């Protein structure tokens, strides 16, 4: 092979092989926002299977004032406990979603509103913020971990 042909071949191999995947981050953001809406609907329906399926198999749920919950089955169980609260209402929607240029990781943040009936019939309301880390698993977006906390000071 001539030296010029060898340089061309090497340059082509490096440039083709070294190309990083650039995702349509706007489309990926829309997908995550849609999955989040489905998650809120699953909470309203008290569907722990659907809620658990939002998470990766090794996903983590980091609720305030409670230990870390690891693994889809444990996450389902933790959500089942939350959903037992009387007259529970929970809404959340990302105000910001950042998707990696490769389209394999994303972070979402936003506000939540929570309400439930207290022990003496009084309505308990809370508002706060959350963080969700999303990852691609077999081509699907799944929550790797999420955490939330109240805007109210600790009691």
Protein backbone atom coordinates (compact mmCIF):
# COMPACT_ATOMS: atom_id res chain seq x y z
CA UNK A 1 0.00 0.00 0.00
CA UNK A 2 1.31 3.45 -0.83
CA UNK A 3 1.94 5.83 2.07
CA UNK A 4 -0.81 8.25 0.95
CA UNK A 5 -3.34 5.39 0.67
CA UNK A 6 -2.37 4.15 4.13
CA UNK A 7 -2.84 7.61 5.66
CA UNK A 8 -6.25 7.95 3.97
CA UNK A 9 -7.32 4.50 5.18
CA UNK A 10 -6.23 5.23 8.78
CA UNK A 11 -7.84 8.68 8.77
CA UNK A 12 -11.12 7.25 7.49
CA UNK A 13 -11.09 4.43 10.05
CA UNK A 14 -10.44 6.83 12.93
CA UNK A 15 -13.03 9.37 11.83
CA UNK A 16 -15.75 6.75 11.23
CA UNK A 17 -14.96 4.69 14.31
CA UNK A 18 -14.54 7.69 16.56
CA UNK A 19 -17.91 9.29 15.86
CA UNK A 20 -19.99 9.64 18.98
CA UNK A 21 -23.72 9.08 18.74
CA UNK A 22 -25.57 12.39 18.94
CA UNK A 23 -29.14 11.94 20.02
CA UNK A 24 -32.10 14.12 19.22
CA UNK A 25 -32.10 15.52 22.75
CA UNK A 26 -35.36 17.41 22.24
CA UNK A 27 -37.12 14.17 21.26
CA UNK A 28 -35.56 12.34 24.20
CA UNK A 29 -36.71 15.11 26.54
CA UNK A 30 -40.27 14.79 25.22
CA UNK A 31 -40.12 11.03 25.79
CA UNK A 32 -39.00 11.47 29.40
CA UNK A 33 -41.72 14.04 30.04
CA UNK A 34 -44.32 11.63 28.63
CA UNK A 35 -43.00 8.79 30.82
CA UNK A 36 -43.22 11.09 33.81
CA UNK A 37 -46.90 11.84 33.01
CA UNK A 38 -47.56 8.10 32.87
CA UNK A 39 -45.80 7.75 36.24
CA UNK A 40 -48.09 10.39 37.80
CA UNK A 41 -51.11 8.56 36.32
CA UNK A 42 -49.83 5.28 37.81
CA UNK A 43 -49.58 6.96 41.22
CA UNK A 44 -53.16 8.24 40.91
CA UNK A 45 -54.27 4.72 39.95
CA UNK A 46 -52.19 3.22 42.81
CA UNK A 47 -50.60 0.91 40.24
CA UNK A 48 -47.40 -0.24 41.95
CA UNK A 49 -46.48 -2.50 39.04
CA UNK A 50 -46.49 0.43 36.61
CA UNK A 51 -44.65 2.62 39.14
CA UNK A 52 -42.00 -0.06 39.67
CA UNK A 53 -41.57 -0.47 35.92
CA UNK A 54 -40.54 3.18 35.65
CA UNK A 55 -37.36 2.21 37.51
CA UNK A 56 -34.36 0.25 36.25
CA UNK A 57 -33.99 -3.22 37.81
CA UNK A 58 -31.23 -1.80 40.03
CA UNK A 59 -32.97 1.57 40.44
CA UNK A 60 -33.03 3.42 43.73
CA UNK A 61 -35.70 5.45 45.50
CA UNK A 62 -34.39 7.92 48.09
CA UNK A 63 -37.40 9.15 50.10
CA UNK A 64 -36.90 11.73 52.85
CA UNK A 65 -36.69 10.49 56.43
CA UNK A 66 -36.35 6.87 55.31
CA UNK A 67 -33.59 4.49 54.25
CA UNK A 68 -32.47 4.11 50.64
CA UNK A 69 -34.62 1.66 48.69
CA UNK A 70 -32.71 -0.39 46.11
CA UNK A 71 -34.05 -2.68 43.39
CA UNK A 72 -37.33 -2.66 41.51
CA UNK A 73 -39.16 -5.05 43.89
CA UNK A 74 -38.17 -2.99 46.94
CA UNK A 75 -39.14 0.23 45.15
CA UNK A 76 -42.58 -1.23 44.41
CA UNK A 77 -42.97 -2.15 48.06
CA UNK A 78 -41.94 1.33 49.23
CA UNK A 79 -44.43 2.96 46.87
CA UNK A 80 -47.15 0.55 48.06
CA UNK A 81 -46.57 1.88 51.58
CA UNK A 82 -46.83 5.49 50.40
CA UNK A 83 -50.00 4.78 48.44
CA UNK A 84 -51.73 3.52 51.61
CA UNK A 85 -51.94 7.11 52.88
CA UNK A 86 -55.61 8.12 53.08
CA UNK A 87 -56.86 10.27 50.20
CA UNK A 88 -53.36 10.65 48.77
CA UNK A 89 -52.75 13.04 45.92
CA UNK A 90 -49.34 13.48 44.33
CA UNK A 91 -48.39 15.46 41.26
CA UNK A 92 -44.99 16.25 39.82
CA UNK A 93 -43.70 17.55 36.54
CA UNK A 94 -40.18 18.35 35.49
CA UNK A 95 -39.36 21.99 34.99
CA UNK A 96 -35.97 21.05 33.56
CA UNK A 97 -34.76 17.96 31.70
CA UNK A 98 -31.15 17.70 30.53
CA UNK A 99 -30.31 14.85 28.17
CA UNK A 100 -26.72 13.86 27.37
CA UNK A 101 -25.66 14.37 23.76
CA UNK A 102 -25.27 10.59 23.47
CA UNK A 103 -28.88 10.16 24.57
CA UNK A 104 -28.10 7.57 27.24
CA UNK A 105 -28.38 9.64 30.44
CA UNK A 106 -30.73 12.38 31.57
CA UNK A 107 -31.45 14.38 34.70
CA UNK A 108 -34.84 15.89 35.45
CA UNK A 109 -35.74 18.33 38.23
CA UNK A 110 -38.95 20.01 39.21
CA UNK A 111 -41.62 20.63 41.83
CA UNK A 112 -44.08 18.24 43.43
CA UNK A 113 -47.30 18.70 45.39
CA UNK A 114 -48.49 16.14 47.89
CA UNK A 115 -51.68 15.94 49.91
CA UNK A 116 -53.20 13.38 52.27
CA UNK A 117 -55.66 13.13 55.13
CA UNK A 118 -54.06 13.29 58.55
CA UNK A 119 -54.98 11.22 61.61
CA UNK A 120 -57.65 13.69 62.82
CA UNK A 121 -59.21 14.28 59.43
CA UNK A 122 -57.21 17.41 58.71
CA UNK A 123 -55.72 17.74 55.24
CA UNK A 124 -51.93 17.69 55.16
CA UNK A 125 -50.36 19.45 52.21
CA UNK A 126 -46.73 19.58 51.17
CA UNK A 127 -44.78 21.02 48.27
CA UNK A 128 -41.16 20.44 47.40
CA UNK A 129 -38.72 19.48 44.70
CA UNK A 130 -37.30 16.32 43.15
CA UNK A 131 -34.39 15.02 41.13
CA UNK A 132 -34.62 12.05 38.75
CA UNK A 133 -31.66 10.40 37.05
CA UNK A 134 -32.71 8.50 33.92
CA UNK A 135 -30.72 5.93 31.96
CA UNK A 136 -31.28 3.87 28.85
CA UNK A 137 -31.89 0.17 29.48
CA UNK A 138 -32.34 -1.96 26.36
CA UNK A 139 -33.41 1.14 24.43
CA UNK A 140 -35.96 2.31 27.02
CA UNK A 141 -35.69 5.17 29.50
CA UNK A 142 -35.71 4.00 33.13
CA UNK A 143 -35.20 5.84 36.41
CA UNK A 144 -31.81 5.04 37.86
CA UNK A 145 -32.55 6.95 41.06
CA UNK A 146 -34.81 9.67 42.36
CA UNK A 147 -34.99 11.76 45.48
CA UNK A 148 -37.38 14.39 46.76
CA UNK A 149 -37.66 16.71 49.73
CA UNK A 150 -40.05 19.25 51.14
CA UNK A 151 -39.71 23.00 50.87
CA UNK A 152 -40.93 23.19 54.48
CA UNK A 153 -38.36 23.32 57.27
CA UNK A 154 -37.93 20.11 59.31
CA UNK A 155 -40.31 19.76 62.23
